[in-house]
Protein backbone atom coordinates (compact mmCIF):
# COMPACT_ATOMS: atom_id res chain seq x y z
CA MET A 1 -28.00 -15.66 -4.68
CA GLN A 2 -26.45 -16.86 -7.18
CA ALA A 3 -25.08 -13.65 -8.08
CA LEU A 4 -23.63 -13.06 -4.85
CA ARG A 5 -21.54 -16.57 -4.90
CA SER A 6 -17.75 -16.72 -6.06
CA ARG A 7 -15.43 -18.49 -7.37
CA ARG A 8 -12.78 -17.38 -5.47
CA PRO A 9 -13.56 -17.28 -1.78
CA GLY A 10 -9.65 -17.52 -0.61
CA ARG A 11 -8.87 -14.33 -2.41
CA HIS A 12 -11.64 -12.88 -1.04
CA ALA A 13 -10.39 -14.00 2.64
CA ALA A 14 -7.36 -12.84 2.18
CA ARG A 15 -8.35 -9.29 0.47
CA VAL A 16 -10.30 -8.81 4.05
CA VAL A 17 -7.58 -10.39 5.76
CA LEU A 18 -5.34 -8.12 4.46
CA GLY A 19 -7.44 -4.72 4.69
CA VAL A 20 -7.74 -5.65 8.34
CA ILE A 21 -4.08 -5.81 8.65
CA ALA A 22 -3.39 -2.26 6.40
CA MET A 23 -6.26 -0.57 8.76
CA TYR A 24 -4.43 -1.44 11.93
CA CYS A 25 -0.85 -0.53 10.91
CA GLY A 26 -2.97 2.79 9.88
CA PHE A 27 -4.32 3.12 13.38
CA TYR A 28 -0.83 1.73 15.10
CA ALA A 29 0.50 5.25 13.13
CA ILE A 30 -2.03 7.38 14.04
CA THR A 31 -1.40 6.76 18.03
CA ARG A 32 2.22 7.49 17.42
CA MET A 33 3.27 10.05 14.90
CA PRO A 34 1.28 13.48 13.71
CA LEU A 35 -2.00 12.87 11.32
CA ALA A 36 -0.76 15.15 8.79
CA ASP A 37 2.45 12.54 8.82
CA VAL A 38 0.91 9.45 8.89
CA THR A 39 -1.77 11.11 5.91
CA THR A 40 1.56 11.60 4.12
CA LEU A 41 3.02 8.60 4.03
CA GLY A 42 -0.73 6.41 3.36
CA PHE A 43 -0.18 8.90 0.08
CA THR A 44 2.62 6.78 -0.79
CA GLN A 45 0.49 4.21 -1.96
CA PRO A 46 0.24 4.91 -5.70
CA LEU A 47 4.11 4.42 -5.36
CA PHE A 48 3.65 0.88 -4.34
CA MET A 49 1.73 -0.40 -6.80
CA ILE A 50 2.78 0.39 -9.99
CA PRO A 51 6.02 -1.53 -9.41
CA LEU A 52 3.62 -4.31 -7.84
CA ALA A 53 1.43 -3.61 -11.03
CA VAL A 54 4.31 -5.45 -13.41
CA PRO A 55 3.92 -9.11 -12.20
CA VAL A 56 0.46 -8.95 -10.85
CA LEU A 57 -1.30 -7.77 -13.72
CA GLY A 58 1.45 -8.05 -16.27
CA GLU A 59 1.62 -4.18 -16.65
CA GLN A 60 4.49 -2.52 -18.59
CA ILE A 61 6.42 0.79 -17.03
CA HIS A 62 8.27 3.38 -18.87
CA ARG A 63 11.45 4.97 -17.67
CA ALA A 64 9.40 7.97 -16.59
CA ARG A 65 7.35 6.35 -14.27
CA TRP A 66 10.09 4.82 -12.39
CA LEU A 67 12.04 7.81 -12.74
CA ALA A 68 8.64 9.53 -10.81
CA ILE A 69 8.34 6.60 -8.45
CA LEU A 70 12.08 6.84 -7.29
CA THR A 71 11.42 10.60 -6.94
CA GLY A 72 8.71 10.11 -4.32
CA PHE A 73 10.39 7.50 -2.25
CA ALA A 74 13.08 9.78 -2.08
CA GLY A 75 10.89 12.34 -0.59
CA VAL A 76 9.58 9.92 1.71
CA LEU A 77 13.30 9.30 2.92
CA LEU A 78 13.76 12.92 3.28
CA MET A 79 10.09 13.24 5.24
CA ILE A 80 11.27 10.47 7.76
CA GLY A 81 14.67 10.66 7.24
CA PRO A 82 17.78 7.83 8.13
CA GLY A 83 17.15 6.15 11.08
CA GLY A 84 13.58 8.03 11.93
CA GLY A 85 14.33 11.38 11.86
CA ASP A 86 14.90 13.84 14.59
CA ARG A 87 11.02 13.10 15.87
CA GLY A 88 11.32 9.68 16.34
CA TYR A 89 8.77 8.23 14.16
CA GLY A 90 11.52 4.43 13.59
CA LEU A 91 8.05 1.49 14.85
CA ALA A 92 5.26 4.30 13.86
CA ALA A 93 6.69 5.07 10.12
CA ILE A 94 7.39 2.04 9.19
CA ALA A 95 4.14 0.99 9.87
CA ALA A 96 2.33 3.82 8.15
CA LEU A 97 4.09 2.51 5.85
CA SER A 98 3.29 -0.80 5.77
CA GLY A 99 -0.12 0.27 5.82
CA ALA A 100 0.30 1.67 2.75
CA PHE A 101 2.11 -1.65 1.11
CA ILE A 102 -0.58 -3.40 2.42
CA ALA A 103 -3.35 -1.68 0.66
CA ALA A 104 -1.67 -1.42 -2.68
CA CYS A 105 -1.96 -4.87 -2.60
CA VAL A 106 -5.42 -4.97 -1.69
CA LYS A 107 -5.91 -2.99 -4.51
CA LEU A 108 -4.31 -4.74 -6.76
CA LEU A 109 -6.09 -8.32 -5.90
CA ILE A 110 -9.54 -6.30 -6.23
CA LYS A 111 -8.53 -5.33 -9.48
CA GLN A 112 -7.31 -9.19 -10.62
CA LEU A 113 -10.22 -10.38 -9.01
CA CYS A 114 -12.95 -7.82 -10.71
CA GLY A 115 -10.71 -8.22 -14.16
CA GLU A 116 -10.85 -12.53 -13.82
CA ARG A 117 -13.25 -13.75 -15.51
CA GLY A 118 -14.48 -17.91 -14.99
C-alpha cells in the first residue's frame, strides 16, 4: 500500500475536482450544441496547454508556436463568431472552451505531479 500513498493529496484532489468540472462543461455543451462543434472546440485543449506550460512547467515557446496558437484561436473565433455567431451558441460555446481550458490545466497538473520526485 505504500506505493499508492501520495505526498501531494491536495493536488490530487484538485485534479479530481477540476476533471469533474471539465467533464460537466463538456456535457453541458453537448446538450446545447451539435456534437461536431463541441468536439471541434474540445480540440482547442493543446492551444491552452502550450501557453500554460510556460509558467507551470518552465517550458520555452518559440515564435512559430506562438503564431500557430494565435492562428488556432483565430479559427475558434471564426467558428463561434463574435457574440456566438448566428447559431446562438453563446453560453454553450463558452462552456465547451472552458472545459477544454480546465482539461488542459488538469493535464499540466498531472504532468507536474509525475515530474516531482520527493
